[in-house]
Amino acid sequence: MKIHRINPTRRWSEVTVFNGIANFVEVPEDESATTIEAQVKAVFSQAEAMLALVGSDKSRILTVTIYITDFANVDRLNAVWDEWFDEGTAPSRACVKVELADPDWLVEMAFTAAAGEDYL
């Protein structure tokens, strides 16, 4: 089976798809996003763009690993999370406290989703 690498660079690909399953990671690229809510919204907006690249959408997300720098922000993260997912479409998830590569990032998320039929 073919491995699809969307927008590959030497260091990473924006999305990697194998056997109809897409994997990608998002960090808050909006430098003006300084609160956890703004950063989560930025990550979700970026995720929607990556999902569209592989013919998918947020209802097809299977699992998310959330990397967060401070568990004190989990309730605020959850509020944005709950708004973004439609009822009955939330994926499985894990939330891990970490130190991220950029000290301004409060959150990073790794997504796994079902891609569209072109990627089977």
N, C-alpha and C. Protein backbone atom coordinates (compact mmCIF):
# COMPACT_ATOMS: atom_id res chain seq x y z
N MET A 1 0.83 -1.18 0.00
CA MET A 1 0.00 0.00 0.00
C MET A 1 0.87 1.24 0.00
N LYS A 2 0.36 2.24 -0.66
CA LYS A 2 1.10 3.49 -0.79
C LYS A 2 1.01 4.33 0.48
N ILE A 3 2.11 4.98 0.81
CA ILE A 3 2.13 5.99 1.87
C ILE A 3 2.06 7.35 1.18
N HIS A 4 1.06 8.14 1.54
CA HIS A 4 0.89 9.49 0.99
C HIS A 4 1.50 10.48 1.98
N ARG A 5 2.44 11.27 1.51
CA ARG A 5 3.04 12.33 2.34
C ARG A 5 2.64 13.66 1.73
N ILE A 6 1.83 14.41 2.46
CA ILE A 6 1.30 15.68 1.98
C ILE A 6 2.26 16.80 2.39
N ASN A 7 2.75 17.53 1.40
CA ASN A 7 3.68 18.64 1.62
C ASN A 7 4.89 18.23 2.47
N PRO A 8 5.63 17.20 2.01
CA PRO A 8 6.79 16.76 2.79
C PRO A 8 7.95 17.75 2.71
N THR A 9 8.67 17.84 3.81
CA THR A 9 9.92 18.58 3.86
C THR A 9 10.98 17.58 4.34
N ARG A 10 12.17 18.05 4.50
CA ARG A 10 13.24 17.16 4.98
C ARG A 10 12.94 16.67 6.40
N ARG A 11 12.28 17.51 7.21
CA ARG A 11 12.08 17.20 8.63
C ARG A 11 10.72 16.56 8.92
N TRP A 12 9.67 16.95 8.19
CA TRP A 12 8.33 16.40 8.45
C TRP A 12 7.43 16.57 7.25
N SER A 13 6.29 15.89 7.29
CA SER A 13 5.22 16.08 6.31
C SER A 13 4.04 16.69 7.04
N GLU A 14 3.28 17.53 6.33
CA GLU A 14 2.11 18.12 7.00
C GLU A 14 1.12 17.04 7.42
N VAL A 15 0.89 16.08 6.53
CA VAL A 15 0.01 14.95 6.84
C VAL A 15 0.63 13.71 6.21
N THR A 16 0.57 12.61 6.92
CA THR A 16 0.98 11.33 6.39
C THR A 16 -0.23 10.40 6.43
N VAL A 17 -0.52 9.77 5.28
CA VAL A 17 -1.69 8.90 5.20
C VAL A 17 -1.25 7.51 4.76
N PHE A 18 -1.71 6.50 5.50
CA PHE A 18 -1.46 5.11 5.13
C PHE A 18 -2.72 4.32 5.38
N ASN A 19 -3.13 3.55 4.37
CA ASN A 19 -4.29 2.68 4.51
C ASN A 19 -5.54 3.47 4.95
N GLY A 20 -5.68 4.67 4.43
CA GLY A 20 -6.86 5.48 4.73
C GLY A 20 -6.85 6.21 6.06
N ILE A 21 -5.75 6.11 6.79
CA ILE A 21 -5.64 6.77 8.10
C ILE A 21 -4.62 7.90 8.00
N ALA A 22 -5.07 9.11 8.34
CA ALA A 22 -4.23 10.31 8.28
C ALA A 22 -3.68 10.63 9.67
N ASN A 23 -2.41 11.03 9.69
CA ASN A 23 -1.75 11.45 10.94
C ASN A 23 -1.10 12.80 10.72
N PHE A 24 -1.29 13.70 11.67
CA PHE A 24 -0.65 15.01 11.59
C PHE A 24 -0.61 15.64 12.98
N VAL A 25 0.27 16.61 13.12
CA VAL A 25 0.46 17.31 14.40
C VAL A 25 0.31 18.80 14.15
N GLU A 26 -0.36 19.47 15.09
CA GLU A 26 -0.53 20.92 14.98
C GLU A 26 -0.06 21.61 16.26
N VAL A 27 0.62 22.73 16.05
CA VAL A 27 1.01 23.65 17.12
C VAL A 27 0.40 24.99 16.78
N PRO A 28 0.19 25.86 17.75
CA PRO A 28 -0.43 27.16 17.46
C PRO A 28 0.51 28.06 16.65
N GLU A 29 0.20 28.22 15.36
CA GLU A 29 1.05 29.03 14.49
C GLU A 29 0.75 30.52 14.58
N ASP A 30 -0.39 30.88 15.15
CA ASP A 30 -0.78 32.28 15.31
C ASP A 30 -0.05 32.87 16.51
N GLU A 31 0.95 33.71 16.24
CA GLU A 31 1.76 34.27 17.33
C GLU A 31 0.97 35.20 18.25
N SER A 32 -0.17 35.71 17.79
CA SER A 32 -0.99 36.58 18.64
C SER A 32 -1.85 35.77 19.60
N ALA A 33 -1.90 34.46 19.42
CA ALA A 33 -2.69 33.58 20.30
C ALA A 33 -1.86 33.29 21.55
N THR A 34 -2.16 33.99 22.63
CA THR A 34 -1.37 33.83 23.84
C THR A 34 -2.11 33.12 24.96
N THR A 35 -3.43 32.97 24.85
CA THR A 35 -4.19 32.25 25.87
C THR A 35 -4.40 30.81 25.42
N ILE A 36 -4.71 29.94 26.36
CA ILE A 36 -4.97 28.54 26.00
C ILE A 36 -6.15 28.45 25.04
N GLU A 37 -7.19 29.24 25.28
CA GLU A 37 -8.35 29.19 24.39
C GLU A 37 -7.98 29.58 22.96
N ALA A 38 -7.22 30.66 22.81
CA ALA A 38 -6.82 31.12 21.47
C ALA A 38 -5.92 30.10 20.79
N GLN A 39 -5.02 29.49 21.55
CA GLN A 39 -4.13 28.51 20.95
C GLN A 39 -4.87 27.24 20.54
N VAL A 40 -5.82 26.79 21.35
CA VAL A 40 -6.60 25.61 20.98
C VAL A 40 -7.43 25.91 19.73
N LYS A 41 -8.03 27.09 19.66
CA LYS A 41 -8.80 27.47 18.47
C LYS A 41 -7.90 27.52 17.24
N ALA A 42 -6.69 28.03 17.39
CA ALA A 42 -5.75 28.07 16.26
C ALA A 42 -5.39 26.66 15.81
N VAL A 43 -5.12 25.79 16.75
CA VAL A 43 -4.79 24.40 16.42
C VAL A 43 -5.97 23.74 15.70
N PHE A 44 -7.19 23.96 16.18
CA PHE A 44 -8.36 23.37 15.53
C PHE A 44 -8.57 23.92 14.12
N SER A 45 -8.35 25.20 13.94
CA SER A 45 -8.48 25.79 12.60
C SER A 45 -7.46 25.18 11.64
N GLN A 46 -6.24 25.03 12.11
CA GLN A 46 -5.19 24.41 11.30
C GLN A 46 -5.53 22.95 11.02
N ALA A 47 -6.08 22.25 12.00
CA ALA A 47 -6.46 20.85 11.82
C ALA A 47 -7.53 20.72 10.74
N GLU A 48 -8.48 21.63 10.73
CA GLU A 48 -9.51 21.59 9.69
C GLU A 48 -8.89 21.72 8.31
N ALA A 49 -7.89 22.57 8.17
CA ALA A 49 -7.21 22.73 6.88
C ALA A 49 -6.48 21.44 6.49
N MET A 50 -5.83 20.79 7.44
CA MET A 50 -5.12 19.54 7.14
C MET A 50 -6.11 18.44 6.78
N LEU A 51 -7.20 18.36 7.48
CA LEU A 51 -8.23 17.37 7.18
C LEU A 51 -8.78 17.56 5.77
N ALA A 52 -8.99 18.81 5.39
CA ALA A 52 -9.50 19.10 4.04
C ALA A 52 -8.52 18.63 2.97
N LEU A 53 -7.23 18.71 3.25
CA LEU A 53 -6.22 18.26 2.28
C LEU A 53 -6.36 16.78 1.94
N VAL A 54 -6.91 16.00 2.87
CA VAL A 54 -7.04 14.56 2.65
C VAL A 54 -8.51 14.14 2.53
N GLY A 55 -9.36 15.09 2.17
CA GLY A 55 -10.76 14.77 1.93
C GLY A 55 -11.53 14.35 3.17
N SER A 56 -11.18 14.93 4.29
CA SER A 56 -11.80 14.54 5.55
C SER A 56 -12.33 15.78 6.27
N ASP A 57 -12.87 15.57 7.46
CA ASP A 57 -13.33 16.68 8.30
C ASP A 57 -13.29 16.25 9.76
N LYS A 58 -13.59 17.18 10.65
CA LYS A 58 -13.42 16.92 12.08
C LYS A 58 -14.30 15.78 12.61
N SER A 59 -15.39 15.46 11.92
CA SER A 59 -16.25 14.35 12.37
C SER A 59 -15.57 12.99 12.16
N ARG A 60 -14.47 12.97 11.40
CA ARG A 60 -13.76 11.72 11.09
C ARG A 60 -12.46 11.56 11.89
N ILE A 61 -12.27 12.44 12.88
CA ILE A 61 -11.10 12.31 13.75
C ILE A 61 -11.30 11.10 14.66
N LEU A 62 -10.30 10.25 14.72
CA LEU A 62 -10.39 9.01 15.50
C LEU A 62 -9.81 9.17 16.90
N THR A 63 -8.68 9.86 17.00
CA THR A 63 -8.03 10.04 18.29
C THR A 63 -7.16 11.29 18.25
N VAL A 64 -6.99 11.91 19.41
CA VAL A 64 -6.13 13.08 19.55
C VAL A 64 -5.29 12.91 20.81
N THR A 65 -3.99 13.13 20.66
CA THR A 65 -3.12 13.21 21.83
C THR A 65 -2.84 14.68 22.05
N ILE A 66 -3.21 15.16 23.22
CA ILE A 66 -3.05 16.57 23.58
C ILE A 66 -1.84 16.69 24.49
N TYR A 67 -0.93 17.55 24.09
CA TYR A 67 0.24 17.85 24.91
C TYR A 67 0.03 19.25 25.47
N ILE A 68 -0.03 19.36 26.78
CA ILE A 68 -0.34 20.64 27.43
C ILE A 68 0.73 20.94 28.47
N THR A 69 1.07 22.21 28.60
CA THR A 69 2.16 22.58 29.50
C THR A 69 1.72 22.76 30.95
N ASP A 70 0.41 22.93 31.19
CA ASP A 70 -0.08 23.20 32.54
C ASP A 70 -1.47 22.61 32.70
N PHE A 71 -1.62 21.65 33.58
CA PHE A 71 -2.93 21.03 33.79
C PHE A 71 -3.96 22.02 34.35
N ALA A 72 -3.52 23.16 34.84
CA ALA A 72 -4.46 24.19 35.29
C ALA A 72 -5.29 24.71 34.12
N ASN A 73 -4.82 24.49 32.88
CA ASN A 73 -5.54 24.95 31.69
C ASN A 73 -6.51 23.93 31.10
N VAL A 74 -6.61 22.76 31.69
CA VAL A 74 -7.42 21.69 31.10
C VAL A 74 -8.89 22.08 31.01
N ASP A 75 -9.46 22.69 32.04
CA ASP A 75 -10.88 23.07 31.98
C ASP A 75 -11.14 24.06 30.85
N ARG A 76 -10.23 25.00 30.65
CA ARG A 76 -10.39 25.99 29.58
C ARG A 76 -10.20 25.33 28.21
N LEU A 77 -9.26 24.40 28.11
CA LEU A 77 -9.09 23.62 26.88
C LEU A 77 -10.37 22.84 26.59
N ASN A 78 -10.92 22.18 27.62
CA ASN A 78 -12.13 21.38 27.44
C ASN A 78 -13.31 22.22 26.96
N ALA A 79 -13.40 23.46 27.40
CA ALA A 79 -14.51 24.33 26.97
C ALA A 79 -14.45 24.55 25.47
N VAL A 80 -13.26 24.80 24.93
CA VAL A 80 -13.09 24.99 23.48
C VAL A 80 -13.33 23.67 22.77
N TRP A 81 -12.79 22.59 23.30
CA TRP A 81 -12.97 21.24 22.74
C TRP A 81 -14.46 20.93 22.59
N ASP A 82 -15.21 21.14 23.67
CA ASP A 82 -16.64 20.82 23.67
C ASP A 82 -17.42 21.64 22.65
N GLU A 83 -17.00 22.88 22.42
CA GLU A 83 -17.65 23.73 21.40
C GLU A 83 -17.33 23.25 19.99
N TRP A 84 -16.13 22.74 19.77
CA TRP A 84 -15.68 22.42 18.42
C TRP A 84 -16.29 21.14 17.89
N PHE A 85 -16.39 20.11 18.73
CA PHE A 85 -16.95 18.84 18.27
C PHE A 85 -18.46 18.84 18.40
N ASP A 86 -19.12 18.37 17.34
CA ASP A 86 -20.56 18.19 17.40
C ASP A 86 -20.87 17.03 18.33
N GLU A 87 -22.06 17.05 18.91
CA GLU A 87 -22.50 16.00 19.81
C GLU A 87 -22.31 14.63 19.16
N GLY A 88 -21.69 13.72 19.88
CA GLY A 88 -21.52 12.36 19.40
C GLY A 88 -20.35 12.13 18.46
N THR A 89 -19.51 13.15 18.22
CA THR A 89 -18.39 12.97 17.29
C THR A 89 -17.02 13.10 17.96
N ALA A 90 -16.99 13.30 19.25
CA ALA A 90 -15.69 13.46 19.93
C ALA A 90 -14.88 12.17 19.83
N PRO A 91 -13.59 12.29 19.49
CA PRO A 91 -12.73 11.10 19.38
C PRO A 91 -12.21 10.67 20.75
N SER A 92 -11.53 9.55 20.77
CA SER A 92 -10.79 9.19 21.98
C SER A 92 -9.64 10.17 22.11
N ARG A 93 -9.15 10.35 23.33
CA ARG A 93 -8.05 11.30 23.50
C ARG A 93 -7.24 10.99 24.74
N ALA A 94 -6.03 11.50 24.73
CA ALA A 94 -5.15 11.47 25.90
C ALA A 94 -4.63 12.88 26.09
N CYS A 95 -4.42 13.26 27.33
CA CYS A 95 -3.91 14.60 27.64
C CYS A 95 -2.67 14.41 28.53
N VAL A 96 -1.53 14.91 28.03
CA VAL A 96 -0.25 14.68 28.68
C VAL A 96 0.41 16.01 28.99
N LYS A 97 0.91 16.16 30.21
CA LYS A 97 1.63 17.38 30.58
C LYS A 97 3.07 17.25 30.11
N VAL A 98 3.54 18.31 29.39
CA VAL A 98 4.87 18.28 28.79
C VAL A 98 5.51 19.67 28.80
N GLU A 99 6.79 19.69 28.43
CA GLU A 99 7.48 20.93 28.07
C GLU A 99 7.57 20.91 26.54
N LEU A 100 7.07 21.96 25.90
CA LEU A 100 7.04 22.00 24.44
C LEU A 100 8.27 22.72 23.89
N ALA A 101 8.54 22.52 22.60
CA ALA A 101 9.74 23.06 21.96
C ALA A 101 9.80 24.58 22.00
N ASP A 102 8.66 25.24 21.92
CA ASP A 102 8.60 26.71 21.97
C ASP A 102 7.96 27.09 23.30
N PRO A 103 8.63 27.88 24.13
CA PRO A 103 8.08 28.23 25.44
C PRO A 103 6.78 29.05 25.38
N ASP A 104 6.45 29.61 24.22
CA ASP A 104 5.20 30.35 24.08
C ASP A 104 4.01 29.44 23.79
N TRP A 105 4.28 28.21 23.38
CA TRP A 105 3.19 27.27 23.11
C TRP A 105 2.65 26.72 24.42
N LEU A 106 1.34 26.70 24.54
CA LEU A 106 0.68 26.11 25.70
C LEU A 106 0.13 24.73 25.39
N VAL A 107 0.00 24.44 24.08
CA VAL A 107 -0.62 23.19 23.67
C VAL A 107 -0.10 22.75 22.30
N GLU A 108 -0.07 21.46 22.09
CA GLU A 108 0.26 20.84 20.81
C GLU A 108 -0.64 19.61 20.72
N MET A 109 -1.12 19.29 19.52
CA MET A 109 -2.02 18.13 19.37
C MET A 109 -1.60 17.26 18.21
N ALA A 110 -1.63 15.95 18.45
CA ALA A 110 -1.38 14.95 17.40
C ALA A 110 -2.71 14.29 17.07
N PHE A 111 -3.08 14.36 15.78
CA PHE A 111 -4.39 13.87 15.32
C PHE A 111 -4.22 12.60 14.49
N THR A 112 -5.19 11.71 14.62
CA THR A 112 -5.35 10.57 13.73
C THR A 112 -6.79 10.61 13.23
N ALA A 113 -6.96 10.53 11.91
CA ALA A 113 -8.31 10.65 11.34
C ALA A 113 -8.47 9.73 10.14
N ALA A 114 -9.72 9.40 9.85
CA ALA A 114 -10.03 8.66 8.64
C ALA A 114 -9.97 9.64 7.47
N ALA A 115 -9.14 9.32 6.48
CA ALA A 115 -9.02 10.17 5.29
C ALA A 115 -10.15 9.84 4.32
N GLY A 116 -10.25 10.67 3.28
CA GLY A 116 -11.25 10.43 2.26
C GLY A 116 -10.90 9.24 1.37
N GLU A 117 -11.82 8.87 0.51
CA GLU A 117 -11.68 7.65 -0.30
C GLU A 117 -10.47 7.68 -1.23
N ASP A 118 -9.99 8.85 -1.62
CA ASP A 118 -8.81 8.93 -2.49
C ASP A 118 -7.55 8.40 -1.80
N TYR A 119 -7.60 8.20 -0.51
CA TYR A 119 -6.42 7.79 0.26
C TYR A 119 -6.53 6.37 0.80
N LEU A 120 -7.44 5.59 0.27
CA LEU A 120 -7.58 4.18 0.72
C LEU A 120 -6.53 3.31 0.08
